[in-house]
């Protein structure tokens, strides 16, 4: 099994705080130190190591000027990028942190075993700012966060000077006007941002009515389907399948306007068979269609099955027209002429 230091991070049930966190850090530091000691143990100097050790100072001497020049160039670039920053050694920062942690928890921490102490860190010194300063009018001492003077124990009153002073009504009004002017300019000169998720606008074409009523709205022309009853010649209302006058069920004999017999030769979907409808059957074995009004016992043109009681009658449905045999013959003749022998 791997040790807790080498295993992956586990999700703790409760976050450690205070002394527990500090002890965990110290354990990690000690394990790292032990690991360094085990890796860099005492070893005997061999001739090859002696040669390499003697060669290292020479190489360092050769690479020294170029390396220092590169570091100086890098430092100059950093100083130019941050002119207000000052360089502080990392050793000093880590020593201060270790001292504060030692005073708080009573532990002895060596910064060299904690973090990398090489190089410098950039720091910018900024004064602590307070938005409002008040001065005691008796001893001229600045107030802190409390309302009592820290020097003469005077309670802050209206005579104590305030910096910055309170604005007058005219100054507040001028500030509001400036703010309103800035907001107006931002609205008028707002940046143009493409809205990729904008919904499609629906344009409605309309024109005023000649009679002065509701506006006329343009709509695409539609083909209205009308079905009339074959018994009383009344119009079926709203796509209903029963006549409102004689309660006749809509059948295949009821005329349709416009009529499309080429697409619906057996009737229209939803109709019942009428008295004048010509029956059509299909083979229950190969699903091939029998000729119009084929009597029982007629042989199927595909599988030679004689029409029987199990062969169903074709229901009213849409049928794609079959290709004309004459046109097929013409196309085959043209293809035969294009063949190269």
Protein backbone atom coordinates (compact mmCIF):
# COMPACT_ATOMS: atom_id res chain seq x y z
CA UNK A 1 0.00 0.00 0.00
CA UNK A 2 1.18 3.52 -0.70
CA UNK A 3 1.81 5.94 2.14
CA UNK A 4 -0.63 8.83 2.72
CA UNK A 5 1.95 11.27 1.39
CA UNK A 6 2.25 9.40 -1.92
CA UNK A 7 -1.42 8.58 -2.38
CA UNK A 8 -3.80 10.94 -4.18
CA UNK A 9 -5.70 13.71 -2.36
CA UNK A 10 -8.75 12.44 -0.54
CA UNK A 11 -11.86 14.51 0.15
CA UNK A 12 -11.81 15.24 3.92
CA UNK A 13 -15.05 14.99 5.79
CA UNK A 14 -14.30 18.21 7.70
CA UNK A 15 -11.77 20.94 6.92
CA UNK A 16 -8.95 21.17 9.47
CA UNK A 17 -8.37 24.54 11.11
CA UNK A 18 -5.90 26.01 13.60
CA UNK A 19 -3.43 23.67 15.29
CA UNK A 20 -4.56 20.62 13.29
CA UNK A 21 -3.69 22.28 10.00
CA UNK A 22 -0.31 23.40 11.35
CA UNK A 23 0.55 19.87 12.53
CA UNK A 24 -0.39 18.48 9.12
CA UNK A 25 1.96 20.97 7.46
CA UNK A 26 4.80 20.07 9.78
CA UNK A 27 4.35 16.34 9.06
CA UNK A 28 4.53 17.05 5.33
CA UNK A 29 7.69 19.15 5.78
CA UNK A 30 9.41 16.46 7.85
CA UNK A 31 8.56 13.76 5.30
CA UNK A 32 9.98 15.92 2.50
CA UNK A 33 13.17 16.46 4.51
CA UNK A 34 13.52 12.71 5.16
CA UNK A 35 13.00 12.04 1.45
CA UNK A 36 15.76 14.53 0.54
CA UNK A 37 18.12 12.93 3.07
CA UNK A 38 17.46 9.46 1.67
CA UNK A 39 17.98 10.62 -1.93
CA UNK A 40 21.13 12.68 -1.31
CA UNK A 41 22.97 10.17 0.97
CA UNK A 42 26.77 9.95 1.52
CA UNK A 43 28.61 8.39 -1.39
CA UNK A 44 32.27 7.68 -2.05
CA UNK A 45 34.04 9.88 -4.54
CA UNK A 46 35.10 7.93 -7.61
CA UNK A 47 37.59 9.13 -10.23
CA UNK A 48 34.77 9.92 -12.65
CA UNK A 49 32.93 11.98 -10.03
CA UNK A 50 36.15 13.78 -9.17
CA UNK A 51 36.65 14.67 -12.82
CA UNK A 52 33.08 15.88 -13.15
CA UNK A 53 33.42 17.88 -9.92
CA UNK A 54 36.57 19.55 -11.25
CA UNK A 55 34.89 20.22 -14.58
CA UNK A 56 31.81 21.85 -12.99
CA UNK A 57 33.60 24.99 -11.69
CA UNK A 58 35.13 25.58 -15.11
CA UNK A 59 31.74 25.25 -16.82
CA UNK A 60 30.16 27.51 -14.19
CA UNK A 61 32.91 30.07 -14.73
CA UNK A 62 32.29 30.02 -18.48
CA UNK A 63 28.49 30.21 -18.16
CA UNK A 64 28.61 32.72 -15.29
CA UNK A 65 28.86 36.00 -17.25
CA UNK A 66 26.18 35.02 -19.77
CA UNK A 67 23.79 33.76 -17.03
CA UNK A 68 24.21 36.89 -14.89
CA UNK A 69 23.67 39.09 -17.94
CA UNK A 70 20.43 37.25 -18.75
CA UNK A 71 19.22 37.63 -15.13
CA UNK A 72 20.02 41.35 -15.19
CA UNK A 73 18.13 41.81 -18.47
CA UNK A 74 15.12 39.95 -17.06
CA UNK A 75 15.22 42.06 -13.88
CA UNK A 76 15.35 45.28 -15.93
CA UNK A 77 12.31 44.21 -17.95
CA UNK A 78 10.38 43.41 -14.75
CA UNK A 79 11.34 46.76 -13.19
CA UNK A 80 10.21 48.58 -16.33
CA UNK A 81 6.86 46.76 -16.26
CA UNK A 82 6.27 47.55 -12.55
CA UNK A 83 7.92 50.92 -11.78
CA UNK A 84 6.24 51.37 -8.35
CA UNK A 85 7.24 47.93 -7.06
CA UNK A 86 10.21 47.19 -4.83
CA UNK A 87 12.20 43.97 -4.61
CA UNK A 88 12.07 42.00 -1.35
CA UNK A 89 14.08 38.76 -0.86
CA UNK A 90 11.91 35.70 -0.55
CA UNK A 91 14.05 34.52 2.37
CA UNK A 92 12.98 37.57 4.36
CA UNK A 93 9.28 37.00 3.63
CA UNK A 94 9.38 33.32 4.60
CA UNK A 95 11.37 34.08 7.77
CA UNK A 96 8.72 36.57 8.84
CA UNK A 97 5.93 34.07 8.17
CA UNK A 98 7.78 31.33 10.08
CA UNK A 99 8.36 33.68 13.03
CA UNK A 100 4.67 34.63 13.22
CA UNK A 101 3.55 31.00 12.99
CA UNK A 102 6.08 30.01 15.65
CA UNK A 103 4.88 32.74 18.02
CA UNK A 104 1.27 31.72 17.48
CA UNK A 105 1.53 27.93 17.72
CA UNK A 106 4.85 27.49 19.60
CA UNK A 107 6.59 25.63 16.77
CA UNK A 108 10.07 25.92 15.31
CA UNK A 109 9.89 26.21 11.52
CA UNK A 110 12.82 26.44 9.12
CA UNK A 111 11.85 28.39 5.99
CA UNK A 112 14.52 26.58 3.96
CA UNK A 113 12.61 23.30 4.37
CA UNK A 114 9.24 24.90 3.74
CA UNK A 115 9.37 26.84 0.46
CA UNK A 116 11.80 27.83 -2.23
CA UNK A 117 13.74 30.85 -0.94
CA UNK A 118 15.57 31.75 -4.14
CA UNK A 119 14.98 35.00 -5.96
CA UNK A 120 13.07 38.16 -5.06
CA UNK A 121 9.41 39.07 -4.80
CA UNK A 122 7.81 42.30 -5.97
CA UNK A 123 5.95 44.33 -3.35
CA UNK A 124 4.12 47.64 -3.66
CA UNK A 125 3.77 49.72 -0.49
CA UNK A 126 0.41 51.44 -0.30
CA UNK A 127 -0.79 53.52 2.64
CA UNK A 128 -3.86 52.41 4.54
CA UNK A 129 -6.73 54.60 3.38
CA UNK A 130 -9.89 55.61 5.18
CA UNK A 131 -12.77 57.00 3.22
CA UNK A 132 -13.77 59.50 5.93
CA UNK A 133 -11.37 61.09 8.43
CA UNK A 134 -12.50 62.91 11.57
CA UNK A 135 -10.30 65.07 13.79
CA UNK A 136 -10.96 65.92 17.40
CA UNK A 137 -11.56 69.68 17.76
CA UNK A 138 -9.99 69.75 21.21
CA UNK A 139 -6.64 67.97 20.75
CA UNK A 140 -6.46 67.74 16.93
CA UNK A 141 -6.09 63.94 17.05
CA UNK A 142 -7.54 61.71 14.35
CA UNK A 143 -10.36 59.42 15.36
CA UNK A 144 -10.09 55.70 14.71
CA UNK A 145 -12.95 53.32 14.17
CA UNK A 146 -14.40 54.23 17.59
CA UNK A 147 -16.37 57.40 18.31
CA UNK A 148 -14.11 58.36 21.21
CA UNK A 149 -10.84 60.24 20.87
CA UNK A 150 -7.90 57.93 21.68
CA UNK A 151 -5.95 60.81 23.33
CA UNK A 152 -8.39 62.94 25.33
CA UNK A 153 -11.39 60.54 25.43
CA UNK A 154 -13.58 63.20 23.86
CA UNK A 155 -16.77 61.83 22.31
CA UNK A 156 -17.07 62.74 18.66
CA UNK A 157 -19.44 65.65 18.11
CA UNK A 158 -20.59 67.90 15.27
CA UNK A 159 -17.74 70.37 15.89
CA UNK A 160 -15.12 67.71 15.09
CA UNK A 161 -13.74 68.35 11.63
CA UNK A 162 -14.60 65.91 8.86
CA UNK A 163 -12.51 65.13 5.79
CA UNK A 164 -13.71 65.12 3.09
CA UNK A 165 -16.37 67.64 4.13
CA UNK A 166 -20.01 66.92 3.41
CA UNK A 167 -21.18 68.02 0.00
CA UNK A 168 -23.74 70.77 -0.37
CA UNK A 169 -27.00 70.33 -2.21
CA UNK A 170 -25.59 72.16 -5.24
CA UNK A 171 -22.62 69.77 -5.40
CA UNK A 172 -24.91 66.73 -5.07
CA UNK A 173 -27.13 68.08 -7.86
CA UNK A 174 -24.10 68.68 -10.11
CA UNK A 175 -22.86 65.12 -9.44
CA UNK A 176 -26.29 63.71 -10.36
CA UNK A 177 -26.30 65.73 -13.58
CA UNK A 178 -22.82 64.48 -14.50
CA UNK A 179 -23.86 60.89 -13.78
CA UNK A 180 -27.02 61.29 -15.88
CA UNK A 181 -24.97 62.78 -18.73
CA UNK A 182 -22.52 59.83 -18.64
CA UNK A 183 -25.38 57.30 -18.65
CA UNK A 184 -27.02 59.10 -21.58
CA UNK A 185 -23.78 59.08 -23.59
CA UNK A 186 -23.29 55.37 -22.88
CA UNK A 187 -26.80 54.62 -24.11
CA UNK A 188 -26.47 56.74 -27.25
CA UNK A 189 -22.98 55.46 -28.12
CA UNK A 190 -23.50 51.88 -26.99
CA UNK A 191 -21.28 49.25 -28.66
CA UNK A 192 -22.85 47.12 -31.38
CA UNK A 193 -23.01 43.51 -30.21
CA UNK A 194 -24.23 40.75 -32.51
CA UNK A 195 -27.17 38.85 -31.05
CA UNK A 196 -26.79 35.33 -32.42
CA UNK A 197 -29.81 33.97 -30.54
CA UNK A 198 -32.28 36.58 -31.71
CA UNK A 199 -35.69 35.06 -32.60
CA UNK A 200 -36.90 35.38 -36.16
CA UNK A 201 -39.27 38.27 -36.63
CA UNK A 202 -42.60 37.51 -38.25
CA UNK A 203 -43.61 40.25 -40.66
CA UNK A 204 -47.35 40.66 -41.15
CA UNK A 205 -48.43 42.30 -44.41
CA UNK A 206 -51.69 44.17 -44.04
CA UNK A 207 -53.60 47.01 -45.63
CA UNK A 208 -56.58 49.06 -44.50
CA UNK A 209 -60.01 47.80 -45.40
CA UNK A 210 -62.02 49.72 -48.02
CA UNK A 211 -65.15 49.52 -45.88
CA UNK A 212 -63.34 50.95 -42.85
CA UNK A 213 -63.39 47.76 -40.79
CA UNK A 214 -60.58 45.51 -39.65
CA UNK A 215 -57.31 45.61 -41.60
CA UNK A 216 -56.85 43.01 -44.30
CA UNK A 217 -53.99 40.60 -43.54
CA UNK A 218 -52.16 38.84 -46.36
CA UNK A 219 -52.24 35.04 -46.15
CA UNK A 220 -50.84 32.43 -48.48
CA UNK A 221 -53.42 30.97 -50.85
CA UNK A 222 -54.68 27.58 -49.76
CA UNK A 223 -56.62 24.94 -51.59
CA UNK A 224 -59.82 24.35 -49.66
CA UNK A 225 -61.12 20.77 -49.70
CA UNK A 226 -64.87 20.33 -49.84
CA UNK A 227 -66.84 17.12 -49.47
CA UNK A 228 -70.52 16.91 -50.30
CA UNK A 229 -72.94 14.23 -49.18
CA UNK A 230 -73.91 11.79 -51.96
CA UNK A 231 -77.45 11.46 -50.52
CA UNK A 232 -78.60 15.06 -49.85
CA UNK A 233 -75.79 17.05 -51.51
CA UNK A 234 -75.01 18.93 -48.28
CA UNK A 235 -71.51 20.13 -47.41
CA UNK A 236 -69.61 18.28 -44.68
CA UNK A 237 -68.71 20.85 -42.01
CA UNK A 238 -65.26 21.04 -40.43
CA UNK A 239 -63.93 17.75 -41.77
CA UNK A 240 -66.65 15.73 -40.02
CA UNK A 241 -67.36 12.18 -41.22
CA UNK A 242 -71.13 12.37 -40.79
CA UNK A 243 -73.60 14.58 -42.67
CA UNK A 244 -75.28 17.18 -40.47
CA UNK A 245 -78.56 16.97 -42.47
CA UNK A 246 -79.16 13.23 -43.05
CA UNK A 247 -76.50 11.68 -40.73
CA UNK A 248 -75.02 9.80 -43.69
CA UNK A 249 -71.53 8.42 -43.07
CA UNK A 250 -68.99 9.83 -45.48
CA UNK A 251 -68.25 7.18 -48.08
CA UNK A 252 -66.20 6.74 -51.22
CA UNK A 253 -69.17 7.85 -53.36
CA UNK A 254 -69.32 11.30 -51.75
CA UNK A 255 -67.72 13.71 -54.26
CA UNK A 256 -64.61 15.66 -53.39
CA UNK A 257 -63.64 19.09 -54.70
CA UNK A 258 -61.01 19.07 -56.11
CA UNK A 259 -61.15 15.41 -57.06
CA UNK A 260 -57.83 13.51 -57.31
CA UNK A 261 -58.69 10.07 -58.58
CA UNK A 262 -55.14 9.39 -59.78
CA UNK A 263 -53.75 9.64 -56.23
CA UNK A 264 -56.78 8.11 -54.46
CA UNK A 265 -58.22 5.48 -56.83
CA UNK A 266 -59.70 3.38 -53.96
CA UNK A 267 -61.23 6.32 -52.10
CA UNK A 268 -60.03 8.91 -49.62
CA UNK A 269 -58.65 8.01 -46.18
CA UNK A 270 -61.34 7.78 -43.50
CA UNK A 271 -64.18 6.96 -45.93
CA UNK A 272 -66.41 3.90 -45.76
CA UNK A 273 -67.10 1.83 -48.87
CA UNK A 274 -70.05 3.16 -50.87
CA UNK A 275 -72.59 1.22 -52.92
CA UNK A 276 -71.00 2.26 -56.25
CA UNK A 277 -67.38 1.64 -55.23
CA UNK A 278 -65.51 -0.99 -57.28
CA UNK A 279 -63.75 -3.51 -54.98
CA UNK A 280 -59.99 -4.10 -55.21
CA UNK A 281 -58.15 -6.92 -53.42
CA UNK A 282 -54.55 -7.84 -52.68
CA UNK A 283 -52.85 -11.19 -52.23
CA UNK A 284 -52.31 -12.11 -48.58
CA UNK A 285 -49.11 -14.02 -49.46
CA UNK A 286 -47.08 -11.63 -51.62
CA UNK A 287 -49.10 -8.40 -51.08
CA UNK A 288 -49.59 -7.99 -54.84
CA UNK A 289 -52.75 -6.29 -56.12
CA UNK A 290 -55.41 -8.10 -58.09
CA UNK A 291 -57.05 -6.50 -61.12
CA UNK A 292 -60.16 -4.34 -60.68
CA UNK A 293 -63.27 -6.34 -59.65
CA UNK A 294 -61.33 -9.63 -59.85
CA UNK A 295 -63.67 -12.55 -58.98
CA UNK A 296 -62.74 -15.12 -56.35
CA UNK A 297 -60.26 -17.70 -57.67
CA UNK A 298 -58.35 -15.25 -59.88
CA UNK A 299 -54.64 -16.16 -60.02
CA UNK A 300 -52.11 -13.67 -58.65
CA UNK A 301 -49.78 -12.26 -61.33
CA UNK A 302 -46.78 -12.55 -58.99
CA UNK A 303 -47.13 -15.81 -57.03
CA UNK A 304 -50.05 -17.49 -58.93
CA UNK A 305 -52.09 -17.68 -55.72
CA UNK A 306 -55.84 -17.92 -56.31
CA UNK A 307 -57.81 -15.17 -54.57
CA UNK A 308 -59.47 -16.58 -51.49
CA UNK A 309 -61.45 -15.37 -48.50
CA UNK A 310 -58.24 -14.39 -46.63
CA UNK A 311 -57.22 -11.91 -49.33
CA UNK A 312 -58.23 -8.49 -47.88
CA UNK A 313 -59.94 -5.68 -49.71
CA UNK A 314 -57.86 -2.57 -50.27
CA UNK A 315 -58.86 0.27 -47.97
CA UNK A 316 -59.09 3.88 -49.17
CA UNK A 317 -55.50 5.12 -49.29
CA UNK A 318 -53.07 7.11 -51.36
CA UNK A 319 -51.41 5.24 -54.21
CA UNK A 320 -48.38 6.44 -56.16
CA UNK A 321 -49.07 6.16 -59.91
CA UNK A 322 -47.29 3.32 -61.70
CA UNK A 323 -44.93 4.26 -64.54
CA UNK A 324 -46.33 4.11 -68.07
CA UNK A 325 -44.98 1.02 -69.92
CA UNK A 326 -44.70 2.99 -73.17
CA UNK A 327 -42.42 5.53 -71.53
CA UNK A 328 -40.28 2.72 -70.11
CA UNK A 329 -39.91 1.20 -73.57
CA UNK A 330 -38.80 4.56 -75.01
CA UNK A 331 -36.16 5.00 -72.29
CA UNK A 332 -34.84 1.46 -72.80
CA UNK A 333 -34.53 2.08 -76.55
CA UNK A 334 -32.50 5.26 -75.96
CA UNK A 335 -30.20 3.46 -73.54
CA UNK A 336 -29.65 0.69 -76.09
CA UNK A 337 -28.58 3.28 -78.69
CA UNK A 338 -26.02 4.74 -76.28
CA UNK A 339 -24.28 1.40 -75.76
CA UNK A 340 -20.91 1.11 -77.46
CA UNK A 341 -20.26 -2.34 -78.93
